[in-house]
Amino acid sequence: MLSGPALRAFFRIAELWGLKAAEQRVLLGSPPESTFFKWKRAREGALPRDVHERISYVLGIYKALQILFPDPVRADAWVRKPNQAEPFAGTSALERMLSGNVADLYVVRQYLDAQRGGWG
């Protein structure tokens, strides 16, 4: 598995989205703080399958947003904007993703893929 590239991509997206360390940890499945900061510092390390799955969803969400919104600033800001669409019920996609459940990352990814006409 490509742990190094996956972590580097995740932390770059986290920076673009303005995520705090606590939010990043939740998106990664709430690893222990020491593990999280080791990953963040080294940008590599052995990752459990669950973490790879979570990063894969984040990468897919990021890519879908870049396709849907040609303006990168607008694409990156979308995750924090309140959304009336069914999966969000007035909250932001980030709030949905921060529930801690990998299924919520999947729901956001599926929603965006459907919006851009991809698989859904």
N, C-alpha and C. Protein backbone atom coordinates (compact mmCIF):
# COMPACT_ATOMS: atom_id res chain seq x y z
N MET A 1 0.84 -1.19 0.00
CA MET A 1 0.00 0.00 0.00
C MET A 1 0.88 1.24 0.00
N LEU A 2 0.37 2.30 -0.58
CA LEU A 2 1.14 3.52 -0.76
C LEU A 2 0.89 4.50 0.39
N SER A 3 1.38 4.16 1.56
CA SER A 3 1.11 4.97 2.75
C SER A 3 1.69 6.37 2.65
N GLY A 4 2.94 6.48 2.19
CA GLY A 4 3.57 7.80 2.10
C GLY A 4 2.81 8.75 1.20
N PRO A 5 2.57 8.37 -0.06
CA PRO A 5 1.81 9.26 -0.94
C PRO A 5 0.40 9.55 -0.43
N ALA A 6 -0.24 8.56 0.17
CA ALA A 6 -1.60 8.76 0.70
C ALA A 6 -1.59 9.81 1.81
N LEU A 7 -0.65 9.69 2.73
CA LEU A 7 -0.57 10.66 3.83
C LEU A 7 -0.21 12.04 3.32
N ARG A 8 0.73 12.13 2.40
CA ARG A 8 1.10 13.45 1.87
C ARG A 8 -0.09 14.12 1.19
N ALA A 9 -0.84 13.35 0.41
CA ALA A 9 -2.02 13.90 -0.24
C ALA A 9 -3.07 14.32 0.78
N PHE A 10 -3.30 13.48 1.78
CA PHE A 10 -4.29 13.81 2.81
C PHE A 10 -3.93 15.11 3.52
N PHE A 11 -2.69 15.24 3.95
CA PHE A 11 -2.30 16.45 4.70
C PHE A 11 -2.30 17.69 3.83
N ARG A 12 -2.05 17.54 2.54
CA ARG A 12 -2.13 18.68 1.63
C ARG A 12 -3.59 19.14 1.50
N ILE A 13 -4.50 18.18 1.33
CA ILE A 13 -5.93 18.52 1.25
C ILE A 13 -6.39 19.14 2.56
N ALA A 14 -5.97 18.58 3.68
CA ALA A 14 -6.34 19.14 5.00
C ALA A 14 -5.90 20.59 5.10
N GLU A 15 -4.73 20.89 4.57
CA GLU A 15 -4.23 22.28 4.58
C GLU A 15 -5.11 23.16 3.70
N LEU A 16 -5.43 22.69 2.51
CA LEU A 16 -6.27 23.46 1.59
C LEU A 16 -7.66 23.71 2.17
N TRP A 17 -8.19 22.72 2.90
CA TRP A 17 -9.52 22.86 3.50
C TRP A 17 -9.47 23.59 4.84
N GLY A 18 -8.28 23.91 5.33
CA GLY A 18 -8.16 24.62 6.60
C GLY A 18 -8.57 23.79 7.80
N LEU A 19 -8.30 22.49 7.76
CA LEU A 19 -8.71 21.60 8.85
C LEU A 19 -7.77 21.70 10.04
N LYS A 20 -8.35 21.76 11.22
CA LYS A 20 -7.57 21.71 12.46
C LYS A 20 -7.08 20.28 12.68
N ALA A 21 -6.07 20.13 13.52
CA ALA A 21 -5.51 18.80 13.80
C ALA A 21 -6.61 17.85 14.31
N ALA A 22 -7.48 18.34 15.17
CA ALA A 22 -8.55 17.49 15.72
C ALA A 22 -9.48 17.00 14.61
N GLU A 23 -9.79 17.86 13.64
CA GLU A 23 -10.64 17.47 12.53
C GLU A 23 -9.92 16.45 11.64
N GLN A 24 -8.65 16.66 11.42
CA GLN A 24 -7.87 15.72 10.62
C GLN A 24 -7.86 14.34 11.28
N ARG A 25 -7.67 14.31 12.59
CA ARG A 25 -7.67 13.03 13.31
C ARG A 25 -8.99 12.29 13.14
N VAL A 26 -10.10 13.02 13.25
CA VAL A 26 -11.41 12.37 13.11
C VAL A 26 -11.55 11.79 11.70
N LEU A 27 -11.16 12.55 10.69
CA LEU A 27 -11.27 12.05 9.32
C LEU A 27 -10.42 10.80 9.11
N LEU A 28 -9.32 10.70 9.85
CA LEU A 28 -8.44 9.52 9.75
C LEU A 28 -8.89 8.37 10.66
N GLY A 29 -10.00 8.55 11.37
CA GLY A 29 -10.50 7.47 12.22
C GLY A 29 -10.07 7.58 13.67
N SER A 30 -9.67 8.77 14.09
CA SER A 30 -9.27 9.06 15.47
C SER A 30 -8.12 8.20 15.99
N PRO A 31 -7.01 8.18 15.25
CA PRO A 31 -5.84 7.46 15.78
C PRO A 31 -5.33 8.15 17.03
N PRO A 32 -4.55 7.48 17.85
CA PRO A 32 -3.96 8.15 19.01
C PRO A 32 -3.18 9.39 18.56
N GLU A 33 -3.17 10.41 19.42
CA GLU A 33 -2.48 11.66 19.07
C GLU A 33 -1.03 11.42 18.66
N SER A 34 -0.33 10.55 19.40
CA SER A 34 1.08 10.30 19.09
C SER A 34 1.23 9.71 17.68
N THR A 35 0.35 8.81 17.31
CA THR A 35 0.39 8.21 15.97
C THR A 35 0.10 9.26 14.92
N PHE A 36 -0.95 10.04 15.15
CA PHE A 36 -1.33 11.08 14.20
C PHE A 36 -0.17 12.04 13.96
N PHE A 37 0.44 12.54 15.02
CA PHE A 37 1.51 13.52 14.85
C PHE A 37 2.77 12.89 14.24
N LYS A 38 2.97 11.60 14.46
CA LYS A 38 4.07 10.90 13.79
C LYS A 38 3.80 10.85 12.28
N TRP A 39 2.57 10.50 11.91
CA TRP A 39 2.20 10.47 10.49
C TRP A 39 2.35 11.86 9.88
N LYS A 40 1.89 12.87 10.62
CA LYS A 40 1.92 14.23 10.09
C LYS A 40 3.36 14.72 9.92
N ARG A 41 4.21 14.41 10.85
CA ARG A 41 5.61 14.84 10.79
C ARG A 41 6.37 14.10 9.70
N ALA A 42 6.26 12.78 9.68
CA ALA A 42 7.05 11.96 8.76
C ALA A 42 6.40 11.85 7.38
N ARG A 43 5.07 12.06 7.32
CA ARG A 43 4.31 11.89 6.08
C ARG A 43 4.46 10.48 5.52
N GLU A 44 4.66 9.54 6.43
CA GLU A 44 4.69 8.13 6.06
C GLU A 44 4.48 7.30 7.31
N GLY A 45 4.33 6.02 7.13
CA GLY A 45 4.12 5.11 8.25
C GLY A 45 3.12 4.05 7.85
N ALA A 46 3.11 2.98 8.60
CA ALA A 46 2.17 1.88 8.33
C ALA A 46 0.75 2.35 8.65
N LEU A 47 -0.13 2.18 7.70
CA LEU A 47 -1.52 2.61 7.89
C LEU A 47 -2.44 1.40 7.88
N PRO A 48 -3.38 1.35 8.83
CA PRO A 48 -4.39 0.30 8.80
C PRO A 48 -5.28 0.46 7.56
N ARG A 49 -5.90 -0.63 7.15
CA ARG A 49 -6.78 -0.61 5.98
C ARG A 49 -7.87 0.45 6.12
N ASP A 50 -8.43 0.60 7.32
CA ASP A 50 -9.48 1.59 7.57
C ASP A 50 -8.98 3.00 7.24
N VAL A 51 -7.77 3.32 7.60
CA VAL A 51 -7.22 4.65 7.34
C VAL A 51 -7.03 4.85 5.83
N HIS A 52 -6.55 3.82 5.15
CA HIS A 52 -6.43 3.91 3.69
C HIS A 52 -7.79 4.17 3.04
N GLU A 53 -8.82 3.48 3.53
CA GLU A 53 -10.16 3.68 2.99
C GLU A 53 -10.63 5.11 3.21
N ARG A 54 -10.40 5.63 4.41
CA ARG A 54 -10.80 7.00 4.72
C ARG A 54 -10.07 8.01 3.84
N ILE A 55 -8.77 7.81 3.67
CA ILE A 55 -8.00 8.73 2.83
C ILE A 55 -8.49 8.64 1.39
N SER A 56 -8.81 7.44 0.93
CA SER A 56 -9.33 7.27 -0.42
C SER A 56 -10.61 8.07 -0.63
N TYR A 57 -11.50 8.05 0.34
CA TYR A 57 -12.73 8.84 0.23
C TYR A 57 -12.42 10.33 0.20
N VAL A 58 -11.52 10.79 1.07
CA VAL A 58 -11.16 12.21 1.09
C VAL A 58 -10.57 12.63 -0.26
N LEU A 59 -9.70 11.80 -0.82
CA LEU A 59 -9.12 12.10 -2.14
C LEU A 59 -10.21 12.18 -3.21
N GLY A 60 -11.16 11.25 -3.16
CA GLY A 60 -12.26 11.26 -4.12
C GLY A 60 -13.14 12.48 -3.97
N ILE A 61 -13.40 12.88 -2.74
CA ILE A 61 -14.19 14.09 -2.47
C ILE A 61 -13.47 15.31 -3.03
N TYR A 62 -12.18 15.39 -2.75
CA TYR A 62 -11.37 16.52 -3.24
C TYR A 62 -11.41 16.56 -4.77
N LYS A 63 -11.18 15.43 -5.41
CA LYS A 63 -11.15 15.37 -6.88
C LYS A 63 -12.50 15.78 -7.46
N ALA A 64 -13.59 15.25 -6.90
CA ALA A 64 -14.93 15.59 -7.39
C ALA A 64 -15.20 17.08 -7.27
N LEU A 65 -14.77 17.68 -6.17
CA LEU A 65 -14.97 19.12 -5.99
C LEU A 65 -14.18 19.92 -7.01
N GLN A 66 -12.98 19.48 -7.34
CA GLN A 66 -12.17 20.17 -8.34
C GLN A 66 -12.82 20.09 -9.71
N ILE A 67 -13.52 18.99 -9.99
CA ILE A 67 -14.22 18.85 -11.26
C ILE A 67 -15.49 19.71 -11.28
N LEU A 68 -16.23 19.70 -10.18
CA LEU A 68 -17.49 20.45 -10.11
C LEU A 68 -17.30 21.96 -10.07
N PHE A 69 -16.23 22.40 -9.42
CA PHE A 69 -15.96 23.83 -9.26
C PHE A 69 -14.60 24.17 -9.86
N PRO A 70 -14.59 24.74 -11.06
CA PRO A 70 -13.31 25.06 -11.70
C PRO A 70 -12.44 26.02 -10.87
N ASP A 71 -13.07 26.83 -10.01
CA ASP A 71 -12.31 27.73 -9.14
C ASP A 71 -11.85 26.95 -7.91
N PRO A 72 -10.54 26.71 -7.75
CA PRO A 72 -10.05 25.90 -6.62
C PRO A 72 -10.44 26.46 -5.25
N VAL A 73 -10.50 27.77 -5.12
CA VAL A 73 -10.87 28.37 -3.83
C VAL A 73 -12.31 28.02 -3.49
N ARG A 74 -13.17 28.11 -4.47
CA ARG A 74 -14.59 27.76 -4.26
C ARG A 74 -14.74 26.26 -3.97
N ALA A 75 -13.98 25.45 -4.69
CA ALA A 75 -14.02 24.00 -4.47
C ALA A 75 -13.61 23.66 -3.04
N ASP A 76 -12.53 24.26 -2.57
CA ASP A 76 -12.04 23.96 -1.22
C ASP A 76 -12.97 24.51 -0.14
N ALA A 77 -13.67 25.61 -0.44
CA ALA A 77 -14.57 26.21 0.55
C ALA A 77 -15.89 25.44 0.68
N TRP A 78 -16.25 24.66 -0.34
CA TRP A 78 -17.55 23.97 -0.37
C TRP A 78 -17.75 23.08 0.85
N VAL A 79 -16.70 22.42 1.33
CA VAL A 79 -16.88 21.47 2.43
C VAL A 79 -17.40 22.13 3.70
N ARG A 80 -17.17 23.43 3.86
CA ARG A 80 -17.61 24.14 5.08
C ARG A 80 -18.94 24.88 4.92
N LYS A 81 -19.46 24.94 3.73
CA LYS A 81 -20.70 25.71 3.50
C LYS A 81 -21.93 24.88 3.85
N PRO A 82 -22.91 25.51 4.52
CA PRO A 82 -24.17 24.81 4.80
C PRO A 82 -24.80 24.35 3.48
N ASN A 83 -25.43 23.19 3.52
CA ASN A 83 -25.96 22.60 2.29
C ASN A 83 -27.34 22.03 2.60
N GLN A 84 -28.30 22.40 1.77
CA GLN A 84 -29.68 21.94 1.98
C GLN A 84 -29.96 20.59 1.33
N ALA A 85 -29.01 20.05 0.60
CA ALA A 85 -29.22 18.75 -0.05
C ALA A 85 -29.50 17.68 1.01
N GLU A 86 -30.19 16.64 0.59
CA GLU A 86 -30.65 15.60 1.52
C GLU A 86 -29.57 15.04 2.45
N PRO A 87 -28.39 14.71 1.96
CA PRO A 87 -27.42 14.08 2.89
C PRO A 87 -26.93 15.02 4.00
N PHE A 88 -27.15 16.34 3.83
CA PHE A 88 -26.58 17.30 4.78
C PHE A 88 -27.59 18.00 5.66
N ALA A 89 -28.83 18.11 5.21
CA ALA A 89 -29.92 18.69 6.00
C ALA A 89 -29.56 20.04 6.63
N GLY A 90 -28.93 20.90 5.83
CA GLY A 90 -28.62 22.24 6.31
C GLY A 90 -27.25 22.38 6.96
N THR A 91 -26.57 21.28 7.22
CA THR A 91 -25.22 21.35 7.77
C THR A 91 -24.22 21.30 6.61
N SER A 92 -22.96 21.39 6.92
CA SER A 92 -21.94 21.31 5.88
C SER A 92 -21.52 19.86 5.65
N ALA A 93 -20.90 19.63 4.52
CA ALA A 93 -20.35 18.30 4.23
C ALA A 93 -19.29 17.94 5.27
N LEU A 94 -18.51 18.93 5.69
CA LEU A 94 -17.48 18.66 6.70
C LEU A 94 -18.11 18.18 8.00
N GLU A 95 -19.21 18.81 8.41
CA GLU A 95 -19.89 18.35 9.64
C GLU A 95 -20.32 16.90 9.50
N ARG A 96 -20.83 16.54 8.33
CA ARG A 96 -21.24 15.15 8.08
C ARG A 96 -20.02 14.23 8.17
N MET A 97 -18.92 14.64 7.54
CA MET A 97 -17.72 13.81 7.53
C MET A 97 -17.11 13.67 8.92
N LEU A 98 -17.30 14.68 9.77
CA LEU A 98 -16.71 14.66 11.11
C LEU A 98 -17.53 13.87 12.12
N SER A 99 -18.54 13.15 11.67
CA SER A 99 -19.29 12.28 12.58
C SER A 99 -18.40 11.17 13.11
N GLY A 100 -17.33 10.89 12.37
CA GLY A 100 -16.40 9.83 12.77
C GLY A 100 -16.65 8.51 12.07
N ASN A 101 -17.79 8.39 11.39
CA ASN A 101 -18.12 7.15 10.70
C ASN A 101 -17.58 7.17 9.27
N VAL A 102 -16.93 6.10 8.88
CA VAL A 102 -16.42 6.02 7.52
C VAL A 102 -17.58 6.07 6.52
N ALA A 103 -18.74 5.59 6.91
CA ALA A 103 -19.92 5.62 6.04
C ALA A 103 -20.30 7.04 5.65
N ASP A 104 -20.04 8.02 6.51
CA ASP A 104 -20.37 9.41 6.19
C ASP A 104 -19.42 9.97 5.14
N LEU A 105 -18.18 9.53 5.15
CA LEU A 105 -17.26 9.92 4.07
C LEU A 105 -17.77 9.35 2.75
N TYR A 106 -18.23 8.11 2.80
CA TYR A 106 -18.78 7.47 1.61
C TYR A 106 -19.99 8.24 1.08
N VAL A 107 -20.89 8.67 1.98
CA VAL A 107 -22.10 9.39 1.58
C VAL A 107 -21.73 10.69 0.87
N VAL A 108 -20.77 11.43 1.40
CA VAL A 108 -20.35 12.69 0.78
C VAL A 108 -19.74 12.40 -0.59
N ARG A 109 -18.89 11.40 -0.66
CA ARG A 109 -18.27 11.02 -1.93
C ARG A 109 -19.33 10.62 -2.95
N GLN A 110 -20.27 9.80 -2.54
CA GLN A 110 -21.34 9.34 -3.43
C GLN A 110 -22.17 10.52 -3.93
N TYR A 111 -22.51 11.44 -3.03
CA TYR A 111 -23.29 12.62 -3.40
C TYR A 111 -22.57 13.42 -4.48
N LEU A 112 -21.27 13.68 -4.27
CA LEU A 112 -20.51 14.48 -5.23
C LEU A 112 -20.36 13.76 -6.56
N ASP A 113 -20.13 12.46 -6.51
CA ASP A 113 -20.01 11.71 -7.76
C ASP A 113 -21.32 11.75 -8.54
N ALA A 114 -22.44 11.68 -7.84
CA ALA A 114 -23.74 11.77 -8.50
C ALA A 114 -23.94 13.16 -9.12
N GLN A 115 -23.48 14.20 -8.42
CA GLN A 115 -23.61 15.56 -8.92
C GLN A 115 -22.82 15.78 -10.20
N ARG A 116 -21.70 15.10 -10.30
CA ARG A 116 -20.87 15.29 -11.50
C ARG A 116 -21.17 14.25 -12.57
N GLY A 117 -22.16 13.39 -12.31
CA GLY A 117 -22.57 12.41 -13.31
C GLY A 117 -21.72 11.15 -13.33
N GLY A 118 -20.94 10.96 -12.26
CA GLY A 118 -20.13 9.74 -12.16
C GLY A 118 -20.93 8.62 -11.55
N TRP A 119 -20.22 7.59 -11.10
CA TRP A 119 -20.93 6.47 -10.44
C TRP A 119 -21.55 6.98 -9.17
N GLY A 120 -22.63 6.38 -8.71
CA GLY A 120 -23.30 6.92 -7.55
C GLY A 120 -23.84 5.92 -6.61
